[in-house]
């Protein structure tokens, strides 16, 4: 199995161009830690510098069932500026 994270970027307007995205994961509140994936908090980075604008990421390390995950992305611009997405 896998979980697919689809990243949708807004149209830049006077902002730097997105260079890549980092993807973070955590176990949803009330769950039990899954390996190195913590419950709540800042989560852990599971992908870095490989996902471009409007890209997708496939999480093949997710548990086979019974665990609710939350994902969030950090967009990194060509200037080095960053912007965080919401946990979903």
Protein backbone atom coordinates (compact mmCIF):
# COMPACT_ATOMS: atom_id res chain seq x y z
CA UNK A 1 0.00 0.00 0.00
CA UNK A 2 0.86 3.63 -0.13
CA UNK A 3 -0.46 7.06 0.71
CA UNK A 4 -0.17 9.71 -2.00
CA UNK A 5 0.44 13.34 -1.04
CA UNK A 6 -0.53 15.75 -3.84
CA UNK A 7 1.03 19.21 -3.54
CA UNK A 8 -0.84 22.15 -5.02
CA UNK A 9 0.99 25.46 -5.22
CA UNK A 10 -0.79 28.79 -5.56
CA UNK A 11 0.13 30.95 -8.53
CA UNK A 12 3.11 33.07 -7.47
CA UNK A 13 2.43 36.79 -7.36
CA UNK A 14 5.45 38.91 -6.60
CA UNK A 15 7.00 36.03 -4.66
CA UNK A 16 10.01 33.85 -5.41
CA UNK A 17 9.58 30.68 -7.46
CA UNK A 18 9.24 27.40 -5.55
CA UNK A 19 12.35 25.30 -6.01
CA UNK A 20 11.25 22.13 -4.15
CA UNK A 21 9.16 20.76 -1.27
CA UNK A 22 10.00 18.82 1.85
CA UNK A 23 7.28 16.44 3.14
CA UNK A 24 6.72 15.83 6.85
CA UNK A 25 4.55 13.15 8.52
CA UNK A 26 3.23 12.48 12.00
CA UNK A 27 0.72 10.15 13.62
CA UNK A 28 -2.56 11.93 14.34
CA UNK A 29 -3.35 12.88 17.94
CA UNK A 30 -4.63 9.99 20.00
CA UNK A 31 -2.67 7.43 17.98
CA UNK A 32 0.38 5.37 18.86
CA UNK A 33 3.84 6.17 17.50
CA UNK A 34 4.68 4.12 14.42
CA UNK A 35 8.39 3.36 14.27
CA UNK A 36 10.13 6.73 14.02
CA UNK A 37 6.86 8.54 13.24
CA UNK A 38 5.85 10.47 16.37
CA UNK A 39 2.38 11.32 17.61
CA UNK A 40 1.69 15.03 17.07
CA UNK A 41 4.40 17.63 17.30
CA UNK A 42 6.50 18.67 14.30
CA UNK A 43 6.60 15.17 12.76
CA UNK A 44 9.59 13.92 10.78
CA UNK A 45 10.84 14.82 7.32
CA UNK A 46 10.33 11.92 4.92
CA UNK A 47 11.24 13.62 1.64
CA UNK A 48 13.60 16.44 0.84
CA UNK A 49 14.62 18.41 -2.24
CA UNK A 50 12.99 16.03 -4.70
CA UNK A 51 9.45 17.28 -5.26
CA UNK A 52 8.91 20.21 -7.61
CA UNK A 53 5.94 22.53 -8.00
CA UNK A 54 2.55 20.79 -7.96
CA UNK A 55 4.29 17.43 -7.51
CA UNK A 56 3.29 14.26 -5.71
CA UNK A 57 4.94 12.08 -3.10
CA UNK A 58 4.15 8.41 -2.40
CA UNK A 59 4.61 7.24 1.19
CA UNK A 60 5.28 3.51 0.94
CA UNK A 61 6.36 3.26 4.61
CA UNK A 62 2.88 3.84 6.03
CA UNK A 63 1.44 1.12 8.29
CA UNK A 64 -0.92 -1.32 6.61
CA UNK A 65 -3.87 -0.23 8.70
CA UNK A 66 -5.12 1.22 11.95
CA UNK A 67 -2.84 4.27 11.96
CA UNK A 68 -4.03 7.77 11.04
CA UNK A 69 -1.28 9.96 9.59
CA UNK A 70 -1.11 13.68 8.96
CA UNK A 71 1.14 15.25 6.33
CA UNK A 72 2.44 18.74 5.72
CA UNK A 73 4.82 20.28 3.24
CA UNK A 74 7.41 23.03 3.40
CA UNK A 75 7.92 24.90 0.15
CA UNK A 76 11.46 26.17 -0.39
CA UNK A 77 11.91 29.02 -2.85
CA UNK A 78 14.88 29.64 -5.13
CA UNK A 79 15.81 32.45 -2.72
CA UNK A 80 15.84 30.07 0.26
CA UNK A 81 12.63 31.49 1.73
CA UNK A 82 10.23 28.87 3.11
CA UNK A 83 6.48 28.55 3.61
CA UNK A 84 4.66 25.82 5.53
CA UNK A 85 1.43 24.10 4.51
CA UNK A 86 -1.19 23.02 7.05
CA UNK A 87 -1.28 19.53 8.56
CA UNK A 88 -3.82 17.43 6.66
